[in-house]
Amino acid sequence: MAKTTTVEKNFTGSSQTGDAIYLYGNFSLSISIGSGTWTAGNVVIQRSKDNSTWHDVDSFSSAEETAGYEPVKMYYRATTDGSFNGTDVDVVLYKEGKESDTVIVY
C-alpha cells in the first residue's frame, strides 16, 4: 500500500507561510474556501532545492484543484502575498508514493 504525504495550511491573513513538503513525481494541490471569504490577493506556490531559498512557481487568486509533476526532488510550500485578504482559506499539497509518512499541520 502506498504511503501519503500531506501538508495543509489554513490561511487567515496576508504574508503567511505554510510548512514545506518534499515532493517528487505527481502531486496534487487543492485551494478551497471554508466558511470564510477571499476578497483580494494571492496564494503563491513556491519551491526550493534546499528548503531555504524559495522561488515562486505559481499564483492563484481563487479556489483551485490542480495537479503537478516534479521531475526532481524539491521542497514546495504555500504562502499568501502582502495583499491577501481572506479568512478560512485552506491549501493542501498532497503526494501519494512510497517514500514518506503522513504529516498534517494545522
PDB file of N, CA and C in Angstrom:
ATOM      1  N   MET A   1       0.833  -1.173   0.000  1.00  0.00           N
ATOM      2  CA  MET A   1       0.000   0.000   0.000  1.00  0.00           C
ATOM      3  C   MET A   1       0.882   1.243   0.000  1.00  0.00           C
ATOM      4  N   ALA A   2       0.533   2.217  -0.824  1.00  0.00           N
ATOM      5  CA  ALA A   2       1.316   3.441  -0.929  1.00  0.00           C
ATOM      6  C   ALA A   2       1.084   4.332   0.283  1.00  0.00           C
ATOM      7  N   LYS A   3       2.148   4.996   0.707  1.00  0.00           N
ATOM      8  CA  LYS A   3       2.033   5.955   1.787  1.00  0.00           C
ATOM      9  C   LYS A   3       1.705   7.319   1.189  1.00  0.00           C
ATOM     10  N   THR A   4       1.152   8.207   2.005  1.00  0.00           N
ATOM     11  CA  THR A   4       0.826   9.540   1.524  1.00  0.00           C
ATOM     12  C   THR A   4       1.590  10.596   2.296  1.00  0.00           C
ATOM     13  N   THR A   5       1.792  11.706   1.663  1.00  0.00           N
ATOM     14  CA  THR A   5       2.380  12.872   2.283  1.00  0.00           C
ATOM     15  C   THR A   5       1.429  14.025   2.054  1.00  0.00           C
ATOM     16  N   THR A   6       1.071  14.722   3.114  1.00  0.00           N
ATOM     17  CA  THR A   6       0.137  15.828   3.019  1.00  0.00           C
ATOM     18  C   THR A   6       0.609  16.973   3.905  1.00  0.00           C
ATOM     19  N   VAL A   7       0.569  18.177   3.379  1.00  0.00           N
ATOM     20  CA  VAL A   7       0.767  19.369   4.180  1.00  0.00           C
ATOM     21  C   VAL A   7      -0.446  20.254   3.958  1.00  0.00           C
ATOM     22  N   GLU A   8      -1.070  20.670   5.048  1.00  0.00           N
ATOM     23  CA  GLU A   8      -2.263  21.503   4.977  1.00  0.00           C
ATOM     24  C   GLU A   8      -2.037  22.772   5.798  1.00  0.00           C
ATOM     25  N   LYS A   9      -2.475  23.897   5.254  1.00  0.00           N
ATOM     26  CA  LYS A   9      -2.371  25.169   5.962  1.00  0.00           C
ATOM     27  C   LYS A   9      -3.677  25.933   5.788  1.00  0.00           C
ATOM     28  N   ASN A  10      -4.204  26.451   6.885  1.00  0.00           N
ATOM     29  CA  ASN A  10      -5.388  27.291   6.857  1.00  0.00           C
ATOM     30  C   ASN A  10      -4.917  28.739   6.972  1.00  0.00           C
ATOM     31  N   PHE A  11      -5.065  29.493   5.879  1.00  0.00           N
ATOM     32  CA  PHE A  11      -4.621  30.882   5.847  1.00  0.00           C
ATOM     33  C   PHE A  11      -5.728  31.811   6.327  1.00  0.00           C
ATOM     34  N   THR A  12      -5.348  32.783   7.149  1.00  0.00           N
ATOM     35  CA  THR A  12      -6.309  33.728   7.710  1.00  0.00           C
ATOM     36  C   THR A  12      -5.881  35.176   7.500  1.00  0.00           C
ATOM     37  N   GLY A  13      -4.800  35.408   6.752  1.00  0.00           N
ATOM     38  CA  GLY A  13      -4.340  36.770   6.532  1.00  0.00           C
ATOM     39  C   GLY A  13      -3.159  36.827   5.588  1.00  0.00           C
ATOM     40  N   SER A  14      -2.655  38.042   5.385  1.00  0.00           N
ATOM     41  CA  SER A  14      -1.565  38.248   4.432  1.00  0.00           C
ATOM     42  C   SER A  14      -0.213  37.832   5.007  1.00  0.00           C
ATOM     43  N   SER A  15       0.721  37.588   4.099  1.00  0.00           N
ATOM     44  CA  SER A  15       2.128  37.287   4.423  1.00  0.00           C
ATOM     45  C   SER A  15       2.286  36.118   5.381  1.00  0.00           C
ATOM     46  N   GLN A  16       1.486  35.074   5.197  1.00  0.00           N
ATOM     47  CA  GLN A  16       1.615  33.853   5.988  1.00  0.00           C
ATOM     48  C   GLN A  16       2.251  32.768   5.128  1.00  0.00           C
ATOM     49  N   THR A  17       2.945  31.822   5.783  1.00  0.00           N
ATOM     50  CA  THR A  17       3.642  30.759   5.074  1.00  0.00           C
ATOM     51  C   THR A  17       3.326  29.415   5.709  1.00  0.00           C
ATOM     52  N   GLY A  18       3.032  28.432   4.874  1.00  0.00           N
ATOM     53  CA  GLY A  18       2.805  27.073   5.351  1.00  0.00           C
ATOM     54  C   GLY A  18       4.112  26.303   5.428  1.00  0.00           C
ATOM     55  N   ASP A  19       4.054  25.131   6.018  1.00  0.00           N
ATOM     56  CA  ASP A  19       5.220  24.261   6.113  1.00  0.00           C
ATOM     57  C   ASP A  19       5.579  23.701   4.734  1.00  0.00           C
ATOM     58  N   ALA A  20       6.829  23.296   4.602  1.00  0.00           N
ATOM     59  CA  ALA A  20       7.315  22.734   3.345  1.00  0.00           C
ATOM     60  C   ALA A  20       7.026  21.241   3.277  1.00  0.00           C
ATOM     61  N   ILE A  21       6.921  20.755   2.056  1.00  0.00           N
ATOM     62  CA  ILE A  21       6.750  19.328   1.783  1.00  0.00           C
ATOM     63  C   ILE A  21       7.759  18.947   0.698  1.00  0.00           C
ATOM     64  N   TYR A  22       8.390  17.793   0.826  1.00  0.00           N
ATOM     65  CA  TYR A  22       9.382  17.315  -0.129  1.00  0.00           C
ATOM     66  C   TYR A  22       8.659  16.471  -1.174  1.00  0.00           C
ATOM     67  N   LEU A  23       8.665  16.932  -2.422  1.00  0.00           N
ATOM     68  CA  LEU A  23       7.891  16.263  -3.471  1.00  0.00           C
ATOM     69  C   LEU A  23       8.776  15.781  -4.607  1.00  0.00           C
ATOM     70  N   TYR A  24       8.302  14.699  -5.244  1.00  0.00           N
ATOM     71  CA  TYR A  24       8.929  14.130  -6.429  1.00  0.00           C
ATOM     72  C   TYR A  24       7.854  13.391  -7.194  1.00  0.00           C
ATOM     73  N   GLY A  25       7.762  13.615  -8.489  1.00  0.00           N
ATOM     74  CA  GLY A  25       6.734  12.942  -9.299  1.00  0.00           C
ATOM     75  C   GLY A  25       5.423  13.697  -9.267  1.00  0.00           C
ATOM     76  N   ASN A  26       4.329  12.951  -9.400  1.00  0.00           N
ATOM     77  CA  ASN A  26       2.996  13.553  -9.442  1.00  0.00           C
ATOM     78  C   ASN A  26       2.556  14.013  -8.064  1.00  0.00           C
ATOM     79  N   PHE A  27       1.888  15.159  -8.012  1.00  0.00           N
ATOM     80  CA  PHE A  27       1.321  15.659  -6.764  1.00  0.00           C
ATOM     81  C   PHE A  27       0.062  16.459  -7.073  1.00  0.00           C
ATOM     82  N   SER A  28      -0.708  16.731  -6.032  1.00  0.00           N
ATOM     83  CA  SER A  28      -1.953  17.478  -6.177  1.00  0.00           C
ATOM     84  C   SER A  28      -1.935  18.714  -5.298  1.00  0.00           C
ATOM     85  N   LEU A  29      -2.688  19.722  -5.731  1.00  0.00           N
ATOM     86  CA  LEU A  29      -2.851  20.963  -4.996  1.00  0.00           C
ATOM     87  C   LEU A  29      -4.337  21.275  -4.910  1.00  0.00           C
ATOM     88  N   SER A  30      -4.798  21.576  -3.718  1.00  0.00           N
ATOM     89  CA  SER A  30      -6.184  21.966  -3.503  1.00  0.00           C
ATOM     90  C   SER A  30      -6.208  23.273  -2.722  1.00  0.00           C
ATOM     91  N   ILE A  31      -6.907  24.264  -3.266  1.00  0.00           N
ATOM     92  CA  ILE A  31      -7.123  25.530  -2.574  1.00  0.00           C
ATOM     93  C   ILE A  31      -8.626  25.704  -2.459  1.00  0.00           C
ATOM     94  N   SER A  32      -9.127  25.803  -1.233  1.00  0.00           N
ATOM     95  CA  SER A  32     -10.576  25.915  -1.030  1.00  0.00           C
ATOM     96  C   SER A  32     -10.885  26.961   0.031  1.00  0.00           C
ATOM     97  N   ILE A  33     -12.084  27.476  -0.028  1.00  0.00           N
ATOM     98  CA  ILE A  33     -12.552  28.453   0.944  1.00  0.00           C
ATOM     99  C   ILE A  33     -13.541  27.743   1.843  1.00  0.00           C
ATOM    100  N   GLY A  34     -13.211  27.677   3.150  1.00  0.00           N
ATOM    101  CA  GLY A  34     -14.103  27.023   4.106  1.00  0.00           C
ATOM    102  C   GLY A  34     -15.326  27.883   4.348  1.00  0.00           C
ATOM    103  N   SER A  35     -15.545  28.263   5.574  1.00  0.00           N
ATOM    104  CA  SER A  35     -16.705  29.096   5.891  1.00  0.00           C
ATOM    105  C   SER A  35     -16.372  30.583   5.826  1.00  0.00           C
ATOM    106  N   GLY A  36     -15.159  30.922   5.389  1.00  0.00           N
ATOM    107  CA  GLY A  36     -14.732  32.316   5.348  1.00  0.00           C
ATOM    108  C   GLY A  36     -14.864  32.939   3.973  1.00  0.00           C
ATOM    109  N   THR A  37     -14.001  33.911   3.709  1.00  0.00           N
ATOM    110  CA  THR A  37     -14.031  34.642   2.450  1.00  0.00           C
ATOM    111  C   THR A  37     -12.617  34.805   1.897  1.00  0.00           C
ATOM    112  N   TRP A  38     -12.545  35.183   0.632  1.00  0.00           N
ATOM    113  CA  TRP A  38     -11.286  35.524  -0.021  1.00  0.00           C
ATOM    114  C   TRP A  38     -11.606  36.653  -0.978  1.00  0.00           C
ATOM    115  N   THR A  39     -11.218  37.870  -0.630  1.00  0.00           N
ATOM    116  CA  THR A  39     -11.621  39.030  -1.420  1.00  0.00           C
ATOM    117  C   THR A  39     -10.491  39.684  -2.199  1.00  0.00           C
ATOM    118  N   ALA A  40      -9.243  39.393  -1.877  1.00  0.00           N
ATOM    119  CA  ALA A  40      -8.116  40.022  -2.580  1.00  0.00           C
ATOM    120  C   ALA A  40      -6.846  39.215  -2.365  1.00  0.00           C
ATOM    121  N   GLY A  41      -5.868  39.465  -3.226  1.00  0.00           N
ATOM    122  CA  GLY A  41      -4.550  38.863  -3.076  1.00  0.00           C
ATOM    123  C   GLY A  41      -4.455  37.457  -3.627  1.00  0.00           C
ATOM    124  N   ASN A  42      -3.306  36.841  -3.382  1.00  0.00           N
ATOM    125  CA  ASN A  42      -2.985  35.554  -3.981  1.00  0.00           C
ATOM    126  C   ASN A  42      -2.412  34.560  -2.982  1.00  0.00           C
ATOM    127  N   VAL A  43      -2.674  33.284  -3.261  1.00  0.00           N
ATOM    128  CA  VAL A  43      -1.929  32.193  -2.661  1.00  0.00           C
ATOM    129  C   VAL A  43      -0.811  31.877  -3.649  1.00  0.00           C
ATOM    130  N   VAL A  44       0.421  31.883  -3.172  1.00  0.00           N
ATOM    131  CA  VAL A  44       1.586  31.681  -4.023  1.00  0.00           C
ATOM    132  C   VAL A  44       2.220  30.338  -3.676  1.00  0.00           C
ATOM    133  N   ILE A  45       2.483  29.529  -4.690  1.00  0.00           N
ATOM    134  CA  ILE A  45       3.178  28.253  -4.506  1.00  0.00           C
ATOM    135  C   ILE A  45       4.647  28.487  -4.829  1.00  0.00           C
ATOM    136  N   GLN A  46       5.510  28.058  -3.911  1.00  0.00           N
ATOM    137  CA  GLN A  46       6.947  28.239  -4.069  1.00  0.00           C
ATOM    138  C   GLN A  46       7.654  26.892  -4.015  1.00  0.00           C
ATOM    139  N   ARG A  47       8.858  26.837  -4.591  1.00  0.00           N
ATOM    140  CA  ARG A  47       9.675  25.624  -4.472  1.00  0.00           C
ATOM    141  C   ARG A  47      11.114  26.000  -4.178  1.00  0.00           C
ATOM    142  N   SER A  48      11.842  25.017  -3.635  1.00  0.00           N
ATOM    143  CA  SER A  48      13.216  25.249  -3.207  1.00  0.00           C
ATOM    144  C   SER A  48      14.012  23.953  -3.306  1.00  0.00           C
ATOM    145  N   LYS A  49      15.269  24.056  -3.668  1.00  0.00           N
ATOM    146  CA  LYS A  49      16.162  22.895  -3.660  1.00  0.00           C
ATOM    147  C   LYS A  49      16.648  22.576  -2.248  1.00  0.00           C
ATOM    148  N   ASP A  50      16.804  23.626  -1.414  1.00  0.00           N
ATOM    149  CA  ASP A  50      17.459  23.459  -0.120  1.00  0.00           C
ATOM    150  C   ASP A  50      16.576  23.790   1.085  1.00  0.00           C
ATOM    151  N   ASN A  51      15.296  24.053   0.868  1.00  0.00           N
ATOM    152  CA  ASN A  51      14.351  24.416   1.933  1.00  0.00           C
ATOM    153  C   ASN A  51      14.766  25.728   2.610  1.00  0.00           C
ATOM    154  N   SER A  52      15.499  26.572   1.864  1.00  0.00           N
ATOM    155  CA  SER A  52      15.960  27.846   2.399  1.00  0.00           C
ATOM    156  C   SER A  52      15.723  28.993   1.414  1.00  0.00           C
ATOM    157  N   THR A  53      16.144  28.807   0.174  1.00  0.00           N
ATOM    158  CA  THR A  53      15.959  29.812  -0.874  1.00  0.00           C
ATOM    159  C   THR A  53      14.735  29.426  -1.700  1.00  0.00           C
ATOM    160  N   TRP A  54      13.712  30.291  -1.691  1.00  0.00           N
ATOM    161  CA  TRP A  54      12.420  29.965  -2.299  1.00  0.00           C
ATOM    162  C   TRP A  54      12.180  30.772  -3.566  1.00  0.00           C
ATOM    163  N   HIS A  55      11.531  30.122  -4.555  1.00  0.00           N
ATOM    164  CA  HIS A  55      11.188  30.753  -5.826  1.00  0.00           C
ATOM    165  C   HIS A  55       9.701  30.527  -6.104  1.00  0.00           C
ATOM    166  N   ASP A  56       9.006  31.588  -6.513  1.00  0.00           N
ATOM    167  CA  ASP A  56       7.595  31.471  -6.873  1.00  0.00           C
ATOM    168  C   ASP A  56       7.457  30.647  -8.149  1.00  0.00           C
ATOM    169  N   VAL A  57       6.522  29.681  -8.144  1.00  0.00           N
ATOM    170  CA  VAL A  57       6.274  28.883  -9.343  1.00  0.00           C
ATOM    171  C   VAL A  57       4.854  29.035  -9.867  1.00  0.00           C
ATOM    172  N   ASP A  58       3.922  29.478  -9.015  1.00  0.00           N
ATOM    173  CA  ASP A  58       2.552  29.696  -9.469  1.00  0.00           C
ATOM    174  C   ASP A  58       1.829  30.566  -8.458  1.00  0.00           C
ATOM    175  N   SER A  59       0.758  31.201  -8.914  1.00  0.00           N
ATOM    176  CA  SER A  59      -0.015  32.104  -8.073  1.00  0.00           C
ATOM    177  C   SER A  59      -1.491  31.914  -8.388  1.00  0.00           C
ATOM    178  N   PHE A  60      -2.330  31.896  -7.354  1.00  0.00           N
ATOM    179  CA  PHE A  60      -3.763  31.665  -7.521  1.00  0.00           C
ATOM    180  C   PHE A  60      -4.549  32.757  -6.807  1.00  0.00           C
ATOM    181  N   SER A  61      -5.610  33.251  -7.462  1.00  0.00           N
ATOM    182  CA  SER A  61      -6.436  34.303  -6.879  1.00  0.00           C
ATOM    183  C   SER A  61      -7.847  33.822  -6.576  1.00  0.00           C
ATOM    184  N   SER A  62      -8.057  32.513  -6.666  1.00  0.00           N
ATOM    185  CA  SER A  62      -9.357  31.922  -6.335  1.00  0.00           C
ATOM    186  C   SER A  62      -9.162  30.435  -6.046  1.00  0.00           C
ATOM    187  N   ALA A  63     -10.228  29.798  -5.592  1.00  0.00           N
ATOM    188  CA  ALA A  63     -10.174  28.358  -5.290  1.00  0.00           C
ATOM    189  C   ALA A  63      -9.731  27.585  -6.533  1.00  0.00           C
ATOM    190  N   GLU A  64      -9.009  26.481  -6.301  1.00  0.00           N
ATOM    191  CA  GLU A  64      -8.420  25.731  -7.416  1.00  0.00           C
ATOM    192  C   GLU A  64      -8.168  24.291  -7.003  1.00  0.00           C
ATOM    193  N   GLU A  65      -8.337  23.385  -7.934  1.00  0.00           N
ATOM    194  CA  GLU A  65      -7.924  21.982  -7.797  1.00  0.00           C
ATOM    195  C   GLU A  65      -7.062  21.692  -9.013  1.00  0.00           C
ATOM    196  N   THR A  66      -5.821  21.299  -8.781  1.00  0.00           N
ATOM    197  CA  THR A  66      -4.930  21.049  -9.908  1.00  0.00           C
ATOM    198  C   THR A  66      -3.902  19.985  -9.527  1.00  0.00           C
ATOM    199  N   ALA A  67      -3.181  19.518 -10.514  1.00  0.00           N
ATOM    200  CA  ALA A  67      -2.132  18.528 -10.297  1.00  0.00           C
ATOM    201  C   ALA A  67      -0.846  19.035 -10.923  1.00  0.00           C
ATOM    202  N   GLY A  68       0.269  18.521 -10.429  1.00  0.00           N
ATOM    203  CA  GLY A  68       1.564  18.900 -10.962  1.00  0.00           C
ATOM    204  C   GLY A  68       2.486  17.713 -11.042  1.00  0.00           C
ATOM    205  N   TYR A  69       3.621  17.926 -11.690  1.00  0.00           N
ATOM    206  CA  TYR A  69       4.654  16.897 -11.789  1.00  0.00           C
ATOM    207  C   TYR A  69       6.001  17.556 -11.536  1.00  0.00           C
ATOM    208  N   GLU A  70       6.764  16.991 -10.627  1.00  0.00           N
ATOM    209  CA  GLU A  70       8.107  17.480 -10.319  1.00  0.00           C
ATOM    210  C   GLU A  70       9.107  16.386 -10.672  1.00  0.00           C
ATOM    211  N   PRO A  71       9.955  16.604 -11.719  1.00  0.00           N
ATOM    212  CA  PRO A  71      10.863  15.547 -12.159  1.00  0.00           C
ATOM    213  C   PRO A  71      12.058  15.307 -11.245  1.00  0.00           C
ATOM    214  N   VAL A  72      12.352  16.256 -10.373  1.00  0.00           N
ATOM    215  CA  VAL A  72      13.440  16.090  -9.396  1.00  0.00           C
ATOM    216  C   VAL A  72      12.896  16.389  -8.001  1.00  0.00           C
ATOM    217  N   LYS A  73      13.539  15.887  -6.970  1.00  0.00           N
ATOM    218  CA  LYS A  73      13.049  16.115  -5.608  1.00  0.00           C
ATOM    219  C   LYS A  73      13.240  17.579  -5.217  1.00  0.00           C
ATOM    220  N   MET A  74      12.128  18.214  -4.831  1.00  0.00           N
ATOM    221  CA  MET A  74      12.137  19.625  -4.451  1.00  0.00           C
ATOM    222  C   MET A  74      11.193  19.838  -3.275  1.00  0.00           C
ATOM    223  N   TYR A  75      11.460  20.878  -2.511  1.00  0.00           N
ATOM    224  CA  TYR A  75      10.541  21.310  -1.465  1.00  0.00           C
ATOM    225  C   TYR A  75       9.500  22.254  -2.061  1.00  0.00           C
ATOM    226  N   TYR A  76       8.265  22.120  -1.612  1.00  0.00           N
ATOM    227  CA  TYR A  76       7.185  23.030  -2.017  1.00  0.00           C
ATOM    228  C   TYR A  76       6.514  23.570  -0.770  1.00  0.00           C
ATOM    229  N   ARG A  77       5.974  24.795  -0.880  1.00  0.00           N
ATOM    230  CA  ARG A  77       5.184  25.368   0.198  1.00  0.00           C
ATOM    231  C   ARG A  77       4.213  26.393  -0.393  1.00  0.00           C
ATOM    232  N   ALA A  78       3.238  26.769   0.409  1.00  0.00           N
ATOM    233  CA  ALA A  78       2.275  27.798   0.014  1.00  0.00           C
ATOM    234  C   ALA A  78       2.459  29.011   0.918  1.00  0.00           C
ATOM    235  N   THR A  79       2.287  30.193   0.342  1.00  0.00           N
ATOM    236  CA  THR A  79       2.329  31.442   1.093  1.00  0.00           C
ATOM    237  C   THR A  79       1.178  32.328   0.626  1.00  0.00           C
ATOM    238  N   THR A  80       0.896  33.364   1.394  1.00  0.00           N
ATOM    239  CA  THR A  80      -0.030  34.392   0.920  1.00  0.00           C
ATOM    240  C   THR A  80       0.773  35.669   0.703  1.00  0.00           C
ATOM    241  N   ASP A  81       0.399  36.431  -0.336  1.00  0.00           N
ATOM    242  CA  ASP A  81       1.125  37.667  -0.602  1.00  0.00           C
ATOM    243  C   ASP A  81       0.653  38.782   0.325  1.00  0.00           C
ATOM    244  N   GLY A  82       1.319  39.921   0.249  1.00  0.00           N
ATOM    245  CA  GLY A  82       1.029  41.035   1.138  1.00  0.00           C
ATOM    246  C   GLY A  82      -0.338  41.658   0.963  1.00  0.00           C
ATOM    247  N   SER A  83      -0.981  41.405  -0.184  1.00  0.00           N
ATOM    248  CA  SER A  83      -2.318  41.972  -0.414  1.00  0.00           C
ATOM    249  C   SER A  83      -3.439  40.969  -0.158  1.00  0.00           C
ATOM    250  N   PHE A  84      -3.081  39.777   0.330  1.00  0.00           N
ATOM    251  CA  PHE A  84      -4.090  38.739   0.574  1.00  0.00           C
ATOM    252  C   PHE A  84      -5.071  39.190   1.651  1.00  0.00           C
ATOM    253  N   ASN A  85      -6.355  39.059   1.346  1.00  0.00           N
ATOM    254  CA  ASN A  85      -7.410  39.368   2.300  1.00  0.00           C
ATOM    255  C   ASN A  85      -8.383  38.195   2.279  1.00  0.00           C
ATOM    256  N   GLY A  86      -8.278  37.326   3.253  1.00  0.00           N
ATOM    257  CA  GLY A  86      -9.144  36.166   3.305  1.00  0.00           C
ATOM    258  C   GLY A  86      -9.132  35.549   4.691  1.00  0.00           C
ATOM    259  N   THR A  87     -10.158  34.763   4.953  1.00  0.00           N
ATOM    260  CA  THR A  87     -10.244  34.008   6.195  1.00  0.00           C
ATOM    261  C   THR A  87     -10.695  32.599   5.859  1.00  0.00           C
ATOM    262  N   ASP A  88     -10.155  31.623   6.559  1.00  0.00           N
ATOM    263  CA  ASP A  88     -10.530  30.222   6.382  1.00  0.00           C
ATOM    264  C   ASP A  88     -10.292  29.736   4.948  1.00  0.00           C
ATOM    265  N   VAL A  89      -9.108  30.023   4.407  1.00  0.00           N
ATOM    266  CA  VAL A  89      -8.709  29.543   3.085  1.00  0.00           C
ATOM    267  C   VAL A  89      -7.725  28.398   3.304  1.00  0.00           C
ATOM    268  N   ASP A  90      -8.105  27.209   2.872  1.00  0.00           N
ATOM    269  CA  ASP A  90      -7.293  26.010   3.074  1.00  0.00           C
ATOM    270  C   ASP A  90      -6.477  25.689   1.834  1.00  0.00           C
ATOM    271  N   VAL A  91      -5.195  25.398   2.038  1.00  0.00           N
ATOM    272  CA  VAL A  91      -4.318  24.964   0.959  1.00  0.00           C
ATOM    273  C   VAL A  91      -3.739  23.610   1.352  1.00  0.00           C
ATOM    274  N   VAL A  92      -3.875  22.632   0.457  1.00  0.00           N
ATOM    275  CA  VAL A  92      -3.363  21.291   0.702  1.00  0.00           C
ATOM    276  C   VAL A  92      -2.457  20.893  -0.453  1.00  0.00           C
ATOM    277  N   LEU A  93      -1.221  20.519  -0.141  1.00  0.00           N
ATOM    278  CA  LEU A  93      -0.310  19.888  -1.091  1.00  0.00           C
ATOM    279  C   LEU A  93      -0.257  18.416  -0.721  1.00  0.00           C
ATOM    280  N   TYR A  94      -0.459  17.542  -1.696  1.00  0.00           N
ATOM    281  CA  TYR A  94      -0.645  16.119  -1.437  1.00  0.00           C
ATOM    282  C   TYR A  94       0.179  15.286  -2.410  1.00  0.00           C
ATOM    283  N   LYS A  95       0.847  14.283  -1.880  1.00  0.00           N
ATOM    284  CA  LYS A  95       1.635  13.353  -2.693  1.00  0.00           C
ATOM    285  C   LYS A  95       1.354  11.933  -2.248  1.00  0.00           C
ATOM    286  N   GLU A  96       1.061  11.059  -3.179  1.00  0.00           N
ATOM    287  CA  GLU A  96       0.939   9.645  -2.860  1.00  0.00           C
ATOM    288  C   GLU A  96       2.153   8.940  -3.424  1.00  0.00           C
ATOM    289  N   GLY A  97       2.810   8.165  -2.596  1.00  0.00           N
ATOM    290  CA  GLY A  97       4.007   7.487  -3.044  1.00  0.00           C
ATOM    291  C   GLY A  97       4.492   6.485  -2.006  1.00  0.00           C
ATOM    292  N   LYS A  98       5.743   6.060  -2.140  1.00  0.00           N
ATOM    293  CA  LYS A  98       6.290   5.030  -1.268  1.00  0.00           C
ATOM    294  C   LYS A  98       7.345   5.558  -0.306  1.00  0.00           C
ATOM    295  N   GLU A  99       7.590   6.881  -0.306  1.00  0.00           N
ATOM    296  CA  GLU A  99       8.750   7.378   0.418  1.00  0.00           C
ATOM    297  C   GLU A  99       8.478   8.020   1.753  1.00  0.00           C
ATOM    298  N   SER A 100       7.263   8.504   2.036  1.00  0.00           N
ATOM    299  CA  SER A 100       7.059   9.322   3.222  1.00  0.00           C
ATOM    300  C   SER A 100       5.851   8.899   4.028  1.00  0.00           C
ATOM    301  N   ASP A 101       5.745   9.432   5.230  1.00  0.00           N
ATOM    302  CA  ASP A 101       4.583   9.227   6.075  1.00  0.00           C
ATOM    303  C   ASP A 101       3.700  10.463   6.033  1.00  0.00           C
ATOM    304  N   THR A 102       2.500  10.345   6.536  1.00  0.00           N
ATOM    305  CA  THR A 102       1.561  11.467   6.532  1.00  0.00           C
ATOM    306  C   THR A 102       1.953  12.496   7.585  1.00  0.00           C
ATOM    307  N   VAL A 103       1.960  13.751   7.179  1.00  0.00           N
ATOM    308  CA  VAL A 103       2.223  14.862   8.078  1.00  0.00           C
ATOM    309  C   VAL A 103       1.152  15.916   7.792  1.00  0.00           C
ATOM    310  N   ILE A 104       0.344  16.239   8.789  1.00  0.00           N
ATOM    311  CA  ILE A 104      -0.669  17.269   8.619  1.00  0.00           C
ATOM    312  C   ILE A 104      -0.388  18.356   9.633  1.00  0.00           C
ATOM    313  N   VAL A 105      -0.324  19.592   9.177  1.00  0.00           N
ATOM    314  CA  VAL A 105      -0.025  20.727  10.043  1.00  0.00           C
ATOM    315  C   VAL A 105      -1.200  21.678  10.028  1.00  0.00           C
ATOM    316  N   TYR A 106      -1.698  22.042  11.210  1.00  0.00           N
ATOM    317  CA  TYR A 106      -2.829  22.969  11.309  1.00  0.00           C
ATOM    318  C   TYR A 106      -2.370  24.280  11.869  1.00  0.00           C
TER     319      TYR A 106
END
